[in-house]
PDB file of N, CA and C in Angstrom:
ATOM      1  N   MET A   1      13.677  28.111 -58.030  1.00  0.00           N
ATOM      2  CA  MET A   1      13.315  27.133 -57.049  1.00  0.00           C
ATOM      3  C   MET A   1      12.133  27.659 -56.232  1.00  0.00           C
ATOM      4  N   HIS A   2      11.119  26.843 -56.077  1.00  0.00           N
ATOM      5  CA  HIS A   2       9.932  27.219 -55.323  1.00  0.00           C
ATOM      6  C   HIS A   2      10.054  26.734 -53.884  1.00  0.00           C
ATOM      7  N   GLU A   3       9.905  27.646 -52.945  1.00  0.00           N
ATOM      8  CA  GLU A   3       9.958  27.284 -51.535  1.00  0.00           C
ATOM      9  C   GLU A   3       8.557  27.378 -50.953  1.00  0.00           C
ATOM     10  N   GLU A   4       8.169  26.358 -50.204  1.00  0.00           N
ATOM     11  CA  GLU A   4       6.865  26.358 -49.571  1.00  0.00           C
ATOM     12  C   GLU A   4       6.889  27.191 -48.295  1.00  0.00           C
ATOM     13  N   THR A   5       5.757  27.786 -47.988  1.00  0.00           N
ATOM     14  CA  THR A   5       5.619  28.517 -46.739  1.00  0.00           C
ATOM     15  C   THR A   5       5.545  27.513 -45.595  1.00  0.00           C
ATOM     16  N   PRO A   6       6.339  27.716 -44.548  1.00  0.00           N
ATOM     17  CA  PRO A   6       6.301  26.771 -43.419  1.00  0.00           C
ATOM     18  C   PRO A   6       4.914  26.727 -42.779  1.00  0.00           C
ATOM     19  N   SER A   7       4.536  25.565 -42.275  1.00  0.00           N
ATOM     20  CA  SER A   7       3.242  25.450 -41.598  1.00  0.00           C
ATOM     21  C   SER A   7       3.367  25.710 -40.101  1.00  0.00           C
ATOM     22  N   HIS A   8       4.564  25.548 -39.562  1.00  0.00           N
ATOM     23  CA  HIS A   8       4.789  25.781 -38.137  1.00  0.00           C
ATOM     24  C   HIS A   8       6.061  26.594 -37.924  1.00  0.00           C
ATOM     25  N   TYR A   9       6.013  27.408 -36.897  1.00  0.00           N
ATOM     26  CA  TYR A   9       7.122  28.301 -36.576  1.00  0.00           C
ATOM     27  C   TYR A   9       7.512  28.159 -35.116  1.00  0.00           C
ATOM     28  N   LEU A  10       8.774  28.450 -34.847  1.00  0.00           N
ATOM     29  CA  LEU A  10       9.263  28.637 -33.489  1.00  0.00           C
ATOM     30  C   LEU A  10       9.307  30.138 -33.243  1.00  0.00           C
ATOM     31  N   VAL A  11       9.230  30.532 -31.999  1.00  0.00           N
ATOM     32  CA  VAL A  11       9.540  31.912 -31.651  1.00  0.00           C
ATOM     33  C   VAL A  11      10.880  31.869 -30.939  1.00  0.00           C
ATOM     34  N   LEU A  12      11.807  32.662 -31.450  1.00  0.00           N
ATOM     35  CA  LEU A  12      13.160  32.728 -30.905  1.00  0.00           C
ATOM     36  C   LEU A  12      13.383  34.077 -30.244  1.00  0.00           C
ATOM     37  N   ILE A  13      14.359  34.110 -29.334  1.00  0.00           N
ATOM     38  CA  ILE A  13      14.782  35.360 -28.716  1.00  0.00           C
ATOM     39  C   ILE A  13      16.305  35.347 -28.647  1.00  0.00           C
ATOM     40  N   ASN A  14      16.912  36.529 -28.786  1.00  0.00           N
ATOM     41  CA  ASN A  14      18.369  36.609 -28.683  1.00  0.00           C
ATOM     42  C   ASN A  14      18.763  37.327 -27.394  1.00  0.00           C
ATOM     43  N   GLU A  15      20.052  37.526 -27.187  1.00  0.00           N
ATOM     44  CA  GLU A  15      20.542  38.151 -25.953  1.00  0.00           C
ATOM     45  C   GLU A  15      20.076  39.593 -25.803  1.00  0.00           C
ATOM     46  N   GLU A  16      19.714  40.234 -26.898  1.00  0.00           N
ATOM     47  CA  GLU A  16      19.209  41.610 -26.865  1.00  0.00           C
ATOM     48  C   GLU A  16      17.695  41.648 -26.654  1.00  0.00           C
ATOM     49  N   GLU A  17      17.101  40.474 -26.402  1.00  0.00           N
ATOM     50  CA  GLU A  17      15.665  40.320 -26.179  1.00  0.00           C
ATOM     51  C   GLU A  17      14.841  40.756 -27.390  1.00  0.00           C
ATOM     52  N   GLN A  18      15.365  40.463 -28.571  1.00  0.00           N
ATOM     53  CA  GLN A  18      14.650  40.675 -29.820  1.00  0.00           C
ATOM     54  C   GLN A  18      14.063  39.335 -30.243  1.00  0.00           C
ATOM     55  N   TYR A  19      12.858  39.360 -30.764  1.00  0.00           N
ATOM     56  CA  TYR A  19      12.149  38.135 -31.126  1.00  0.00           C
ATOM     57  C   TYR A  19      12.205  37.891 -32.624  1.00  0.00           C
ATOM     58  N   SER A  20      12.040  36.626 -32.998  1.00  0.00           N
ATOM     59  CA  SER A  20      12.009  36.247 -34.405  1.00  0.00           C
ATOM     60  C   SER A  20      11.125  35.023 -34.580  1.00  0.00           C
ATOM     61  N   LEU A  21      10.342  35.004 -35.660  1.00  0.00           N
ATOM     62  CA  LEU A  21       9.646  33.788 -36.071  1.00  0.00           C
ATOM     63  C   LEU A  21      10.606  33.012 -36.943  1.00  0.00           C
ATOM     64  N   TRP A  22      10.700  31.710 -36.708  1.00  0.00           N
ATOM     65  CA  TRP A  22      11.670  30.868 -37.402  1.00  0.00           C
ATOM     66  C   TRP A  22      10.985  29.579 -37.835  1.00  0.00           C
ATOM     67  N   PRO A  23      11.163  29.160 -39.088  1.00  0.00           N
ATOM     68  CA  PRO A  23      10.547  27.900 -39.532  1.00  0.00           C
ATOM     69  C   PRO A  23      10.943  26.749 -38.607  1.00  0.00           C
ATOM     70  N   ALA A  24       9.951  25.987 -38.158  1.00  0.00           N
ATOM     71  CA  ALA A  24      10.180  24.930 -37.170  1.00  0.00           C
ATOM     72  C   ALA A  24      11.070  23.813 -37.686  1.00  0.00           C
ATOM     73  N   ASP A  25      11.164  23.664 -39.001  1.00  0.00           N
ATOM     74  CA  ASP A  25      11.970  22.565 -39.545  1.00  0.00           C
ATOM     75  C   ASP A  25      13.429  22.949 -39.778  1.00  0.00           C
ATOM     76  N   LEU A  26      13.820  24.164 -39.406  1.00  0.00           N
ATOM     77  CA  LEU A  26      15.214  24.597 -39.547  1.00  0.00           C
ATOM     78  C   LEU A  26      15.888  24.633 -38.180  1.00  0.00           C
ATOM     79  N   ALA A  27      17.189  24.433 -38.182  1.00  0.00           N
ATOM     80  CA  ALA A  27      17.962  24.501 -36.938  1.00  0.00           C
ATOM     81  C   ALA A  27      17.954  25.929 -36.398  1.00  0.00           C
ATOM     82  N   VAL A  28      17.912  26.046 -35.091  1.00  0.00           N
ATOM     83  CA  VAL A  28      17.957  27.359 -34.450  1.00  0.00           C
ATOM     84  C   VAL A  28      19.362  27.925 -34.626  1.00  0.00           C
ATOM     85  N   PRO A  29      19.479  29.155 -35.143  1.00  0.00           N
ATOM     86  CA  PRO A  29      20.806  29.727 -35.376  1.00  0.00           C
ATOM     87  C   PRO A  29      21.520  30.090 -34.070  1.00  0.00           C
ATOM     88  N   ALA A  30      22.827  30.157 -34.153  1.00  0.00           N
ATOM     89  CA  ALA A  30      23.647  30.535 -32.999  1.00  0.00           C
ATOM     90  C   ALA A  30      23.211  31.901 -32.481  1.00  0.00           C
ATOM     91  N   GLY A  31      23.193  32.037 -31.167  1.00  0.00           N
ATOM     92  CA  GLY A  31      22.832  33.308 -30.556  1.00  0.00           C
ATOM     93  C   GLY A  31      21.346  33.463 -30.283  1.00  0.00           C
ATOM     94  N   TRP A  32      20.564  32.469 -30.646  1.00  0.00           N
ATOM     95  CA  TRP A  32      19.118  32.510 -30.436  1.00  0.00           C
ATOM     96  C   TRP A  32      18.698  31.298 -29.624  1.00  0.00           C
ATOM     97  N   ARG A  33      17.586  31.430 -28.886  1.00  0.00           N
ATOM     98  CA  ARG A  33      17.019  30.288 -28.171  1.00  0.00           C
ATOM     99  C   ARG A  33      15.504  30.290 -28.367  1.00  0.00           C
ATOM    100  N   THR A  34      14.919  29.128 -28.253  1.00  0.00           N
ATOM    101  CA  THR A  34      13.484  28.964 -28.459  1.00  0.00           C
ATOM    102  C   THR A  34      12.721  29.357 -27.200  1.00  0.00           C
ATOM    103  N   VAL A  35      11.700  30.212 -27.373  1.00  0.00           N
ATOM    104  CA  VAL A  35      10.824  30.570 -26.254  1.00  0.00           C
ATOM    105  C   VAL A  35       9.397  30.081 -26.481  1.00  0.00           C
ATOM    106  N   LEU A  36       9.071  29.671 -27.702  1.00  0.00           N
ATOM    107  CA  LEU A  36       7.780  29.055 -28.007  1.00  0.00           C
ATOM    108  C   LEU A  36       8.037  27.935 -28.992  1.00  0.00           C
ATOM    109  N   PRO A  37       7.648  26.705 -28.632  1.00  0.00           N
ATOM    110  CA  PRO A  37       7.865  25.585 -29.549  1.00  0.00           C
ATOM    111  C   PRO A  37       6.982  25.694 -30.783  1.00  0.00           C
ATOM    112  N   ALA A  38       7.124  24.748 -31.678  1.00  0.00           N
ATOM    113  CA  ALA A  38       6.420  24.750 -32.963  1.00  0.00           C
ATOM    114  C   ALA A  38       4.945  25.091 -32.791  1.00  0.00           C
ATOM    115  N   SER A  39       4.524  26.148 -33.487  1.00  0.00           N
ATOM    116  CA  SER A  39       3.164  26.674 -33.406  1.00  0.00           C
ATOM    117  C   SER A  39       2.759  27.178 -34.779  1.00  0.00           C
ATOM    118  N   THR A  40       1.472  27.453 -34.934  1.00  0.00           N
ATOM    119  CA  THR A  40       1.026  28.061 -36.186  1.00  0.00           C
ATOM    120  C   THR A  40       1.583  29.482 -36.258  1.00  0.00           C
ATOM    121  N   LYS A  41       1.578  30.045 -37.434  1.00  0.00           N
ATOM    122  CA  LYS A  41       2.072  31.412 -37.598  1.00  0.00           C
ATOM    123  C   LYS A  41       1.254  32.380 -36.746  1.00  0.00           C
ATOM    124  N   GLU A  42      -0.054  32.178 -36.718  1.00  0.00           N
ATOM    125  CA  GLU A  42      -0.927  33.055 -35.940  1.00  0.00           C
ATOM    126  C   GLU A  42      -0.609  32.977 -34.445  1.00  0.00           C
ATOM    127  N   GLU A  43      -0.384  31.761 -33.938  1.00  0.00           N
ATOM    128  CA  GLU A  43      -0.029  31.590 -32.522  1.00  0.00           C
ATOM    129  C   GLU A  43       1.315  32.238 -32.219  1.00  0.00           C
ATOM    130  N   ALA A  44       2.270  32.063 -33.126  1.00  0.00           N
ATOM    131  CA  ALA A  44       3.601  32.637 -32.934  1.00  0.00           C
ATOM    132  C   ALA A  44       3.543  34.164 -32.935  1.00  0.00           C
ATOM    133  N   LEU A  45       2.795  34.734 -33.868  1.00  0.00           N
ATOM    134  CA  LEU A  45       2.660  36.191 -33.918  1.00  0.00           C
ATOM    135  C   LEU A  45       1.973  36.726 -32.664  1.00  0.00           C
ATOM    136  N   ALA A  46       0.960  36.018 -32.182  1.00  0.00           N
ATOM    137  CA  ALA A  46       0.266  36.440 -30.961  1.00  0.00           C
ATOM    138  C   ALA A  46       1.217  36.413 -29.766  1.00  0.00           C
ATOM    139  N   TYR A  47       2.081  35.395 -29.702  1.00  0.00           N
ATOM    140  CA  TYR A  47       3.059  35.304 -28.617  1.00  0.00           C
ATOM    141  C   TYR A  47       4.011  36.501 -28.659  1.00  0.00           C
ATOM    142  N   VAL A  48       4.526  36.802 -29.840  1.00  0.00           N
ATOM    143  CA  VAL A  48       5.458  37.925 -29.978  1.00  0.00           C
ATOM    144  C   VAL A  48       4.765  39.229 -29.600  1.00  0.00           C
ATOM    145  N   GLU A  49       3.548  39.423 -30.075  1.00  0.00           N
ATOM    146  CA  GLU A  49       2.819  40.655 -29.770  1.00  0.00           C
ATOM    147  C   GLU A  49       2.591  40.815 -28.263  1.00  0.00           C
ATOM    148  N   ALA A  50       2.318  39.720 -27.577  1.00  0.00           N
ATOM    149  CA  ALA A  50       2.057  39.774 -26.138  1.00  0.00           C
ATOM    150  C   ALA A  50       3.328  39.943 -25.307  1.00  0.00           C
ATOM    151  N   ASN A  51       4.479  39.550 -25.845  1.00  0.00           N
ATOM    152  CA  ASN A  51       5.707  39.516 -25.050  1.00  0.00           C
ATOM    153  C   ASN A  51       6.774  40.526 -25.442  1.00  0.00           C
ATOM    154  N   TRP A  52       6.771  40.993 -26.683  1.00  0.00           N
ATOM    155  CA  TRP A  52       7.797  41.946 -27.113  1.00  0.00           C
ATOM    156  C   TRP A  52       7.253  43.353 -26.921  1.00  0.00           C
ATOM    157  N   LEU A  53       7.417  43.875 -25.715  1.00  0.00           N
ATOM    158  CA  LEU A  53       6.797  45.136 -25.345  1.00  0.00           C
ATOM    159  C   LEU A  53       7.661  46.353 -25.660  1.00  0.00           C
ATOM    160  N   ASP A  54       8.953  46.159 -25.802  1.00  0.00           N
ATOM    161  CA  ASP A  54       9.876  47.260 -26.093  1.00  0.00           C
ATOM    162  C   ASP A  54      10.775  46.820 -27.236  1.00  0.00           C
ATOM    163  N   MET A  55      10.624  47.447 -28.386  1.00  0.00           N
ATOM    164  CA  MET A  55      11.343  47.024 -29.586  1.00  0.00           C
ATOM    165  C   MET A  55      12.838  47.349 -29.542  1.00  0.00           C
ATOM    166  N   ARG A  56      13.245  48.214 -28.628  1.00  0.00           N
ATOM    167  CA  ARG A  56      14.668  48.561 -28.554  1.00  0.00           C
ATOM    168  C   ARG A  56      15.473  47.373 -28.050  1.00  0.00           C
ATOM    169  N   PRO A  57      16.695  47.189 -28.573  1.00  0.00           N
ATOM    170  CA  PRO A  57      17.564  46.136 -28.034  1.00  0.00           C
ATOM    171  C   PRO A  57      17.777  46.360 -26.536  1.00  0.00           C
ATOM    172  N   ALA A  58      17.922  45.288 -25.790  1.00  0.00           N
ATOM    173  CA  ALA A  58      18.077  45.374 -24.335  1.00  0.00           C
ATOM    174  C   ALA A  58      19.235  46.286 -23.935  1.00  0.00           C
ATOM    175  N   SER A  59      20.299  46.297 -24.718  1.00  0.00           N
ATOM    176  CA  SER A  59      21.472  47.114 -24.378  1.00  0.00           C
ATOM    177  C   SER A  59      21.193  48.615 -24.471  1.00  0.00           C
ATOM    178  N   LEU A  60      20.112  49.016 -25.136  1.00  0.00           N
ATOM    179  CA  LEU A  60      19.781  50.435 -25.263  1.00  0.00           C
ATOM    180  C   LEU A  60      18.727  50.890 -24.261  1.00  0.00           C
ATOM    181  N   ARG A  61      18.161  49.957 -23.520  1.00  0.00           N
ATOM    182  CA  ARG A  61      17.154  50.315 -22.515  1.00  0.00           C
ATOM    183  C   ARG A  61      17.843  50.744 -21.230  1.00  0.00           C
ATOM    184  N   SER A  62      17.229  51.687 -20.542  1.00  0.00           N
ATOM    185  CA  SER A  62      17.840  52.150 -19.279  1.00  0.00           C
ATOM    186  C   SER A  62      17.377  51.341 -18.100  1.00  0.00           C
TER     187      SER A  62
END
C-alpha cells in the first residue's frame, strides 16, 4: 500500500513537554494537544526548533 506524504502537519505537545509533528488529517492521539494548527512541514519544524529548547522530558528537569 502506498501512503502519500502529508502536505500539512500539526505540532503536538504532551504532558512531558515533548513535541511531535502529526499529519493534520489524523485525529490527535490521547495525551497530546495541538500547539500549532495545520502548517507546512517547514513551518512546523521551525516552530519545534524555536520552542523545544530542552529535549529532556519535563519530569527529568530540575
